[in-house]
Amino acid sequence: MADELSTQQRDFRAAMANLSAAVNVITTDGVSGRAGITVSAVCSVTDSPPTLVLCVNQSSYCHDIFRTNRRLAVNVLGVEHEDIAKHFAGMTTVSMADRFEWPVWDHDTHGVPVLRDAAAVLVGRIGAEMTRGSHTVMFVEVDHVAVDADAGALVYFQRSFHGVPAVAASA
């Protein structure tokens, strides 16, 4: 059967399930419309110039919208955002349009939806991309950053969400 995974693929997926990752909702708006998706495959590349990389499955509804709109926000989720993560991961029946109707979004300041109380927000433009297997790797050149040091974090580990409380700053 063509859909069966090889032993190597199963082992790789099991290993990746043990790799804790921050949970992010990537959002965009533009000529191809407004869209968002929950993604854990985000990491920094360099701070000079500020650049991050994110990986999006080519079969995702948002994939081509991101590539066409080019501008996006990486909304790093805090402990209290598990429901938002689930909605944008497609784990609920809430439509894409309805997800953006909630009053938690700032639609006007950066040209893309930004989660008002995110642990961090990085807004930028896709500057380069490459394809590897089923995913497109997008290099995002960041032009705006906001951080809430008291937000804590939402991580994905062993195929479920976990909250990590903020650590009090030492004196």
N, C-alpha and C. Protein backbone atom coordinates (compact mmCIF):
# COMPACT_ATOMS: atom_id res chain seq x y z
N MET A 1 0.85 -1.18 0.00
CA MET A 1 0.00 0.00 0.00
C MET A 1 0.89 1.25 0.00
N ALA A 2 0.63 2.19 -0.88
CA ALA A 2 1.47 3.37 -1.06
C ALA A 2 1.43 4.32 0.13
N ASP A 3 0.34 4.31 0.91
CA ASP A 3 0.20 5.24 2.03
C ASP A 3 0.88 4.75 3.30
N GLU A 4 1.37 3.53 3.32
CA GLU A 4 2.04 3.02 4.51
C GLU A 4 3.38 3.70 4.69
N LEU A 5 3.72 3.97 5.94
CA LEU A 5 4.99 4.60 6.26
C LEU A 5 6.09 3.55 6.37
N SER A 6 7.28 3.92 5.97
CA SER A 6 8.43 3.03 6.16
C SER A 6 8.82 3.05 7.63
N THR A 7 9.63 2.10 8.03
CA THR A 7 10.13 2.07 9.41
C THR A 7 10.88 3.35 9.72
N GLN A 8 11.68 3.81 8.78
CA GLN A 8 12.44 5.05 8.98
C GLN A 8 11.50 6.24 9.19
N GLN A 9 10.43 6.33 8.41
CA GLN A 9 9.48 7.42 8.56
C GLN A 9 8.78 7.35 9.93
N ARG A 10 8.36 6.16 10.34
CA ARG A 10 7.72 6.01 11.65
C ARG A 10 8.67 6.39 12.77
N ASP A 11 9.93 5.93 12.68
CA ASP A 11 10.92 6.28 13.70
C ASP A 11 11.17 7.78 13.74
N PHE A 12 11.26 8.39 12.57
CA PHE A 12 11.49 9.84 12.49
C PHE A 12 10.33 10.59 13.14
N ARG A 13 9.10 10.20 12.81
CA ARG A 13 7.93 10.85 13.39
C ARG A 13 7.89 10.68 14.91
N ALA A 14 8.26 9.50 15.40
CA ALA A 14 8.30 9.27 16.85
C ALA A 14 9.34 10.17 17.50
N ALA A 15 10.48 10.31 16.87
CA ALA A 15 11.52 11.18 17.41
C ALA A 15 11.06 12.64 17.43
N MET A 16 10.41 13.08 16.36
CA MET A 16 9.93 14.46 16.29
C MET A 16 8.82 14.72 17.32
N ALA A 17 8.05 13.70 17.68
CA ALA A 17 7.03 13.85 18.72
C ALA A 17 7.68 14.16 20.07
N ASN A 18 8.93 13.75 20.25
CA ASN A 18 9.66 14.02 21.49
C ASN A 18 10.49 15.30 21.42
N LEU A 19 10.37 16.03 20.34
CA LEU A 19 11.05 17.31 20.20
C LEU A 19 10.06 18.41 20.57
N SER A 20 10.20 18.96 21.76
CA SER A 20 9.30 20.04 22.19
C SER A 20 9.45 21.22 21.25
N ALA A 21 8.32 21.83 20.90
CA ALA A 21 8.35 22.96 19.98
C ALA A 21 7.33 24.00 20.39
N ALA A 22 7.68 25.26 20.22
CA ALA A 22 6.74 26.34 20.48
C ALA A 22 5.57 26.23 19.50
N VAL A 23 4.40 26.62 19.96
CA VAL A 23 3.21 26.61 19.11
C VAL A 23 2.96 28.04 18.63
N ASN A 24 2.79 28.16 17.33
CA ASN A 24 2.60 29.46 16.69
C ASN A 24 1.40 29.41 15.77
N VAL A 25 0.72 30.54 15.63
CA VAL A 25 -0.29 30.67 14.59
C VAL A 25 0.27 31.68 13.59
N ILE A 26 0.44 31.19 12.36
CA ILE A 26 0.94 32.04 11.28
C ILE A 26 -0.28 32.64 10.60
N THR A 27 -0.31 33.97 10.45
CA THR A 27 -1.46 34.65 9.85
C THR A 27 -1.01 35.54 8.71
N THR A 28 -1.92 35.74 7.77
CA THR A 28 -1.65 36.61 6.63
C THR A 28 -2.94 37.26 6.17
N ASP A 29 -2.80 38.31 5.39
CA ASP A 29 -3.92 38.95 4.71
C ASP A 29 -3.33 39.64 3.49
N GLY A 30 -4.10 39.69 2.43
CA GLY A 30 -3.60 40.33 1.21
C GLY A 30 -4.43 39.94 0.01
N VAL A 31 -3.83 39.97 -1.15
CA VAL A 31 -4.55 39.73 -2.40
C VAL A 31 -5.21 38.36 -2.44
N SER A 32 -4.65 37.38 -1.77
CA SER A 32 -5.23 36.03 -1.76
C SER A 32 -6.15 35.79 -0.57
N GLY A 33 -6.35 36.82 0.25
CA GLY A 33 -7.27 36.69 1.37
C GLY A 33 -6.58 36.52 2.70
N ARG A 34 -7.40 36.39 3.71
CA ARG A 34 -6.95 36.24 5.10
C ARG A 34 -6.93 34.76 5.44
N ALA A 35 -5.86 34.32 6.09
CA ALA A 35 -5.74 32.91 6.44
C ALA A 35 -4.77 32.74 7.60
N GLY A 36 -4.84 31.59 8.25
CA GLY A 36 -3.93 31.29 9.34
C GLY A 36 -3.86 29.80 9.59
N ILE A 37 -2.77 29.38 10.19
CA ILE A 37 -2.54 27.97 10.46
C ILE A 37 -1.65 27.82 11.69
N THR A 38 -1.88 26.77 12.47
CA THR A 38 -1.02 26.46 13.60
C THR A 38 0.20 25.71 13.10
N VAL A 39 1.38 26.18 13.53
CA VAL A 39 2.65 25.61 13.07
C VAL A 39 3.61 25.52 14.24
N SER A 40 4.31 24.40 14.35
CA SER A 40 5.38 24.31 15.35
C SER A 40 6.75 24.38 14.70
N ALA A 41 6.82 24.29 13.38
CA ALA A 41 8.10 24.30 12.66
C ALA A 41 8.53 25.72 12.34
N VAL A 42 8.99 26.44 13.38
CA VAL A 42 9.48 27.81 13.26
C VAL A 42 10.76 27.91 14.06
N CYS A 43 11.77 28.54 13.51
CA CYS A 43 12.98 28.80 14.30
C CYS A 43 13.72 30.01 13.75
N SER A 44 14.59 30.57 14.58
CA SER A 44 15.38 31.72 14.17
C SER A 44 16.50 31.26 13.24
N VAL A 45 16.89 32.15 12.34
CA VAL A 45 18.01 31.91 11.45
C VAL A 45 19.17 32.82 11.87
N THR A 46 18.88 34.12 11.97
CA THR A 46 19.90 35.10 12.33
C THR A 46 19.22 36.36 12.84
N ASP A 47 19.97 37.18 13.60
CA ASP A 47 19.42 38.46 14.03
C ASP A 47 19.96 39.61 13.19
N SER A 48 20.76 39.28 12.19
CA SER A 48 21.37 40.33 11.36
C SER A 48 21.37 39.91 9.89
N PRO A 49 20.34 40.21 9.13
CA PRO A 49 19.10 40.87 9.55
C PRO A 49 18.17 39.87 10.23
N PRO A 50 17.24 40.35 11.07
CA PRO A 50 16.33 39.45 11.76
C PRO A 50 15.57 38.57 10.77
N THR A 51 15.79 37.27 10.86
CA THR A 51 15.20 36.32 9.92
C THR A 51 14.81 35.05 10.66
N LEU A 52 13.67 34.51 10.31
CA LEU A 52 13.27 33.22 10.85
C LEU A 52 12.85 32.33 9.69
N VAL A 53 12.73 31.06 9.98
CA VAL A 53 12.32 30.09 8.98
C VAL A 53 11.08 29.38 9.50
N LEU A 54 10.15 29.13 8.59
CA LEU A 54 9.00 28.32 8.95
C LEU A 54 8.74 27.33 7.82
N CYS A 55 8.18 26.19 8.19
CA CYS A 55 7.93 25.12 7.23
C CYS A 55 6.43 24.87 7.15
N VAL A 56 5.91 24.88 5.92
CA VAL A 56 4.47 24.71 5.71
C VAL A 56 4.25 23.59 4.70
N ASN A 57 3.38 22.66 5.05
CA ASN A 57 3.05 21.56 4.14
C ASN A 57 2.40 22.13 2.88
N GLN A 58 2.85 21.66 1.73
CA GLN A 58 2.32 22.15 0.46
C GLN A 58 0.84 21.81 0.27
N SER A 59 0.34 20.82 1.00
CA SER A 59 -1.08 20.46 0.88
C SER A 59 -1.97 21.31 1.78
N SER A 60 -1.37 22.16 2.60
CA SER A 60 -2.14 23.01 3.50
C SER A 60 -2.93 24.06 2.71
N TYR A 61 -4.14 24.32 3.18
CA TYR A 61 -4.99 25.36 2.62
C TYR A 61 -4.25 26.70 2.56
N CYS A 62 -3.44 26.99 3.57
CA CYS A 62 -2.76 28.28 3.70
C CYS A 62 -1.50 28.41 2.85
N HIS A 63 -0.93 27.30 2.43
CA HIS A 63 0.37 27.30 1.76
C HIS A 63 0.43 28.33 0.62
N ASP A 64 -0.43 28.21 -0.35
CA ASP A 64 -0.38 29.11 -1.51
C ASP A 64 -0.79 30.53 -1.15
N ILE A 65 -1.66 30.67 -0.15
CA ILE A 65 -2.06 32.01 0.29
C ILE A 65 -0.85 32.73 0.89
N PHE A 66 -0.07 32.04 1.73
CA PHE A 66 1.15 32.64 2.28
C PHE A 66 2.10 33.04 1.16
N ARG A 67 2.30 32.15 0.20
CA ARG A 67 3.26 32.40 -0.89
C ARG A 67 2.83 33.58 -1.76
N THR A 68 1.54 33.74 -1.95
CA THR A 68 1.05 34.86 -2.77
C THR A 68 1.04 36.16 -1.99
N ASN A 69 0.52 36.14 -0.77
CA ASN A 69 0.45 37.37 0.03
C ASN A 69 1.83 37.86 0.45
N ARG A 70 2.74 36.94 0.71
CA ARG A 70 4.14 37.21 1.10
C ARG A 70 4.30 37.77 2.50
N ARG A 71 3.41 38.62 2.98
CA ARG A 71 3.54 39.22 4.31
C ARG A 71 2.76 38.36 5.31
N LEU A 72 3.37 38.14 6.49
CA LEU A 72 2.71 37.32 7.50
C LEU A 72 3.17 37.68 8.89
N ALA A 73 2.42 37.15 9.86
CA ALA A 73 2.79 37.32 11.27
C ALA A 73 2.95 35.95 11.88
N VAL A 74 4.00 35.80 12.67
CA VAL A 74 4.20 34.61 13.48
C VAL A 74 3.76 35.01 14.89
N ASN A 75 2.61 34.48 15.31
CA ASN A 75 2.05 34.76 16.62
C ASN A 75 2.45 33.61 17.54
N VAL A 76 3.40 33.86 18.43
CA VAL A 76 3.88 32.83 19.36
C VAL A 76 2.87 32.75 20.49
N LEU A 77 2.30 31.56 20.68
CA LEU A 77 1.20 31.42 21.62
C LEU A 77 1.64 31.23 23.06
N GLY A 78 0.85 31.81 23.95
CA GLY A 78 1.06 31.65 25.38
C GLY A 78 0.18 30.54 25.93
N VAL A 79 0.29 30.30 27.21
CA VAL A 79 -0.41 29.22 27.89
C VAL A 79 -1.92 29.27 27.62
N GLU A 80 -2.49 30.47 27.61
CA GLU A 80 -3.93 30.63 27.50
C GLU A 80 -4.48 30.49 26.07
N HIS A 81 -3.63 30.20 25.11
CA HIS A 81 -4.04 30.16 23.71
C HIS A 81 -4.27 28.77 23.12
N GLU A 82 -4.43 27.77 23.95
CA GLU A 82 -4.60 26.41 23.42
C GLU A 82 -5.82 26.31 22.50
N ASP A 83 -6.92 26.97 22.85
CA ASP A 83 -8.11 26.91 21.99
C ASP A 83 -7.83 27.54 20.62
N ILE A 84 -7.11 28.64 20.60
CA ILE A 84 -6.75 29.26 19.32
C ILE A 84 -5.88 28.31 18.50
N ALA A 85 -4.93 27.66 19.17
CA ALA A 85 -4.08 26.69 18.47
C ALA A 85 -4.92 25.58 17.85
N LYS A 86 -5.89 25.08 18.58
CA LYS A 86 -6.75 24.01 18.08
C LYS A 86 -7.60 24.47 16.90
N HIS A 87 -8.15 25.67 16.99
CA HIS A 87 -8.97 26.18 15.89
C HIS A 87 -8.14 26.30 14.61
N PHE A 88 -6.95 26.88 14.72
CA PHE A 88 -6.11 27.10 13.53
C PHE A 88 -5.40 25.83 13.06
N ALA A 89 -5.43 24.80 13.89
CA ALA A 89 -4.91 23.49 13.47
C ALA A 89 -5.99 22.66 12.78
N GLY A 90 -7.19 23.22 12.69
CA GLY A 90 -8.29 22.51 12.05
C GLY A 90 -8.89 21.43 12.92
N MET A 91 -8.72 21.54 14.23
CA MET A 91 -9.23 20.52 15.15
C MET A 91 -10.66 20.81 15.59
N THR A 92 -11.25 21.90 15.07
CA THR A 92 -12.62 22.27 15.39
C THR A 92 -13.36 22.55 14.08
N THR A 93 -14.62 22.87 14.18
CA THR A 93 -15.41 23.16 12.98
C THR A 93 -15.55 24.66 12.72
N VAL A 94 -14.84 25.49 13.46
CA VAL A 94 -14.93 26.94 13.28
C VAL A 94 -14.30 27.31 11.94
N SER A 95 -15.03 28.07 11.14
CA SER A 95 -14.54 28.45 9.81
C SER A 95 -13.37 29.42 9.91
N MET A 96 -12.59 29.50 8.84
CA MET A 96 -11.45 30.42 8.80
C MET A 96 -11.93 31.86 9.04
N ALA A 97 -13.00 32.26 8.37
CA ALA A 97 -13.50 33.64 8.53
C ALA A 97 -13.91 33.90 9.97
N ASP A 98 -14.59 32.95 10.60
CA ASP A 98 -15.04 33.15 11.98
C ASP A 98 -13.88 33.23 12.97
N ARG A 99 -12.79 32.53 12.70
CA ARG A 99 -11.63 32.58 13.59
C ARG A 99 -11.08 33.99 13.72
N PHE A 100 -11.20 34.75 12.64
CA PHE A 100 -10.65 36.11 12.64
C PHE A 100 -11.66 37.16 13.11
N GLU A 101 -12.89 36.73 13.43
CA GLU A 101 -13.90 37.67 13.93
C GLU A 101 -13.77 37.93 15.42
N TRP A 102 -13.06 37.06 16.13
CA TRP A 102 -12.91 37.23 17.57
C TRP A 102 -12.15 38.53 17.87
N PRO A 103 -12.46 39.20 18.97
CA PRO A 103 -11.83 40.50 19.27
C PRO A 103 -10.38 40.40 19.75
N VAL A 104 -9.75 39.25 19.61
CA VAL A 104 -8.36 39.07 20.06
C VAL A 104 -7.36 39.53 18.99
N TRP A 105 -7.86 39.88 17.80
CA TRP A 105 -6.98 40.21 16.67
C TRP A 105 -6.88 41.70 16.42
N ASP A 106 -5.69 42.17 16.12
CA ASP A 106 -5.45 43.51 15.59
C ASP A 106 -5.25 43.33 14.08
N HIS A 107 -6.20 43.80 13.30
CA HIS A 107 -6.15 43.62 11.84
C HIS A 107 -5.53 44.82 11.12
N ASP A 108 -5.34 45.93 11.82
CA ASP A 108 -5.02 47.17 11.14
C ASP A 108 -3.57 47.64 11.23
N THR A 109 -2.88 47.36 12.31
CA THR A 109 -1.57 47.97 12.55
C THR A 109 -0.49 47.52 11.58
N HIS A 110 -0.45 46.22 11.23
CA HIS A 110 0.66 45.69 10.42
C HIS A 110 0.24 45.12 9.08
N GLY A 111 -1.05 45.24 8.74
CA GLY A 111 -1.52 44.72 7.46
C GLY A 111 -1.81 43.23 7.46
N VAL A 112 -1.56 42.57 8.57
CA VAL A 112 -1.86 41.15 8.76
C VAL A 112 -2.45 40.99 10.16
N PRO A 113 -3.27 39.97 10.38
CA PRO A 113 -3.82 39.77 11.73
C PRO A 113 -2.72 39.45 12.75
N VAL A 114 -2.75 40.19 13.86
CA VAL A 114 -1.79 40.01 14.95
C VAL A 114 -2.57 39.72 16.23
N LEU A 115 -2.21 38.65 16.91
CA LEU A 115 -2.84 38.28 18.17
C LEU A 115 -2.41 39.27 19.24
N ARG A 116 -3.37 40.01 19.78
CA ARG A 116 -3.07 41.12 20.70
C ARG A 116 -2.27 40.70 21.94
N ASP A 117 -2.55 39.53 22.51
CA ASP A 117 -1.89 39.14 23.75
C ASP A 117 -0.96 37.94 23.56
N ALA A 118 -0.36 37.84 22.38
CA ALA A 118 0.58 36.74 22.10
C ALA A 118 1.82 36.86 22.98
N ALA A 119 2.48 35.74 23.21
CA ALA A 119 3.75 35.76 23.95
C ALA A 119 4.80 36.56 23.18
N ALA A 120 4.73 36.46 21.87
CA ALA A 120 5.59 37.27 20.99
C ALA A 120 4.92 37.30 19.62
N VAL A 121 5.20 38.36 18.89
CA VAL A 121 4.72 38.49 17.51
C VAL A 121 5.90 38.95 16.67
N LEU A 122 6.10 38.26 15.55
CA LEU A 122 7.13 38.66 14.58
C LEU A 122 6.44 38.83 13.23
N VAL A 123 6.49 40.03 12.70
CA VAL A 123 5.83 40.34 11.43
C VAL A 123 6.90 40.57 10.38
N GLY A 124 6.68 40.02 9.21
CA GLY A 124 7.65 40.23 8.15
C GLY A 124 7.17 39.73 6.81
N ARG A 125 8.12 39.63 5.89
CA ARG A 125 7.85 39.27 4.51
C ARG A 125 8.68 38.04 4.14
N ILE A 126 8.07 37.15 3.37
CA ILE A 126 8.81 35.99 2.87
C ILE A 126 9.82 36.50 1.86
N GLY A 127 11.10 36.32 2.17
CA GLY A 127 12.17 36.81 1.31
C GLY A 127 12.72 35.73 0.40
N ALA A 128 12.63 34.48 0.83
CA ALA A 128 13.14 33.36 0.04
C ALA A 128 12.40 32.11 0.48
N GLU A 129 12.42 31.12 -0.38
CA GLU A 129 11.78 29.85 -0.05
C GLU A 129 12.43 28.73 -0.84
N MET A 130 12.27 27.53 -0.31
CA MET A 130 12.75 26.34 -1.01
C MET A 130 11.83 25.18 -0.67
N THR A 131 11.78 24.22 -1.54
CA THR A 131 10.93 23.05 -1.34
C THR A 131 11.79 21.87 -0.92
N ARG A 132 11.32 21.15 0.09
CA ARG A 132 11.98 19.93 0.52
C ARG A 132 10.88 18.91 0.83
N GLY A 133 10.79 17.87 0.02
CA GLY A 133 9.76 16.87 0.23
C GLY A 133 8.38 17.48 0.13
N SER A 134 7.58 17.27 1.18
CA SER A 134 6.19 17.73 1.19
C SER A 134 6.02 19.17 1.67
N HIS A 135 7.11 19.82 2.07
CA HIS A 135 7.01 21.14 2.68
C HIS A 135 7.76 22.21 1.91
N THR A 136 7.31 23.45 2.10
CA THR A 136 8.05 24.61 1.63
C THR A 136 8.67 25.28 2.85
N VAL A 137 9.97 25.53 2.77
CA VAL A 137 10.69 26.23 3.82
C VAL A 137 10.70 27.71 3.42
N MET A 138 10.11 28.54 4.28
CA MET A 138 9.98 29.97 4.00
C MET A 138 10.88 30.77 4.93
N PHE A 139 11.72 31.60 4.36
CA PHE A 139 12.58 32.49 5.14
C PHE A 139 11.87 33.83 5.26
N VAL A 140 11.57 34.22 6.48
CA VAL A 140 10.81 35.44 6.73
C VAL A 140 11.74 36.51 7.28
N GLU A 141 11.80 37.63 6.56
CA GLU A 141 12.59 38.78 6.98
C GLU A 141 11.72 39.65 7.87
N VAL A 142 12.07 39.72 9.14
CA VAL A 142 11.23 40.33 10.17
C VAL A 142 11.45 41.84 10.23
N ASP A 143 10.32 42.60 10.25
CA ASP A 143 10.43 44.06 10.37
C ASP A 143 9.72 44.61 11.60
N HIS A 144 9.02 43.75 12.35
CA HIS A 144 8.38 44.18 13.59
C HIS A 144 8.40 43.02 14.59
N VAL A 145 8.73 43.34 15.84
CA VAL A 145 8.74 42.35 16.92
C VAL A 145 8.06 42.96 18.14
N ALA A 146 7.21 42.16 18.79
CA ALA A 146 6.63 42.54 20.08
C ALA A 146 6.74 41.33 20.99
N VAL A 147 7.03 41.57 22.26
CA VAL A 147 7.24 40.48 23.22
C VAL A 147 6.48 40.78 24.51
N ASP A 148 5.82 39.75 25.04
CA ASP A 148 5.20 39.81 26.36
C ASP A 148 5.95 38.81 27.24
N ALA A 149 6.89 39.30 28.03
CA ALA A 149 7.76 38.43 28.84
C ALA A 149 6.99 37.67 29.92
N ASP A 150 5.77 38.08 30.22
CA ASP A 150 4.99 37.44 31.28
C ASP A 150 3.99 36.41 30.76
N ALA A 151 4.03 36.11 29.47
CA ALA A 151 2.99 35.29 28.85
C ALA A 151 3.15 33.79 29.06
N GLY A 152 4.32 33.31 29.36
CA GLY A 152 4.53 31.87 29.38
C GLY A 152 4.54 31.36 27.94
N ALA A 153 4.39 30.06 27.78
CA ALA A 153 4.47 29.49 26.43
C ALA A 153 3.52 28.31 26.29
N LEU A 154 3.14 28.06 25.06
CA LEU A 154 2.42 26.86 24.71
C LEU A 154 3.35 26.04 23.84
N VAL A 155 3.59 24.80 24.24
CA VAL A 155 4.48 23.93 23.47
C VAL A 155 3.73 22.69 23.02
N TYR A 156 4.27 22.06 21.99
CA TYR A 156 3.72 20.82 21.47
C TYR A 156 4.74 19.73 21.74
N PHE A 157 4.31 18.69 22.48
CA PHE A 157 5.21 17.61 22.88
C PHE A 157 4.40 16.33 22.95
N GLN A 158 4.91 15.26 22.38
CA GLN A 158 4.25 13.96 22.33
C GLN A 158 2.81 14.08 21.86
N ARG A 159 2.67 14.85 20.78
CA ARG A 159 1.41 15.01 20.04
C ARG A 159 0.28 15.66 20.85
N SER A 160 0.64 16.50 21.82
CA SER A 160 -0.38 17.28 22.53
C SER A 160 0.21 18.59 23.01
N PHE A 161 -0.68 19.51 23.36
CA PHE A 161 -0.29 20.84 23.82
C PHE A 161 -0.01 20.81 25.32
N HIS A 162 0.98 21.61 25.73
CA HIS A 162 1.34 21.74 27.14
C HIS A 162 1.67 23.20 27.42
N GLY A 163 1.19 23.69 28.56
CA GLY A 163 1.50 25.05 28.97
C GLY A 163 2.78 25.10 29.78
N VAL A 164 3.57 26.13 29.55
CA VAL A 164 4.79 26.38 30.32
C VAL A 164 4.64 27.77 30.92
N PRO A 165 4.54 27.86 32.25
CA PRO A 165 4.36 29.18 32.87
C PRO A 165 5.60 30.05 32.70
N ALA A 166 5.36 31.35 32.75
CA ALA A 166 6.47 32.31 32.68
C ALA A 166 7.33 32.15 33.93
N VAL A 167 8.62 32.39 33.78
CA VAL A 167 9.56 32.33 34.89
C VAL A 167 9.77 33.75 35.40
N ALA A 168 9.64 33.93 36.69
CA ALA A 168 9.84 35.26 37.28
C ALA A 168 11.27 35.69 37.08
N ALA A 169 11.45 36.94 36.69
CA ALA A 169 12.78 37.49 36.49
C ALA A 169 13.49 37.61 37.83
N SER A 170 14.77 37.23 37.85
CA SER A 170 15.52 37.33 39.11
C SER A 170 16.04 38.75 39.28
N ALA A 171 16.17 39.16 40.53
CA ALA A 171 16.58 40.54 40.83
C ALA A 171 18.04 40.76 40.65
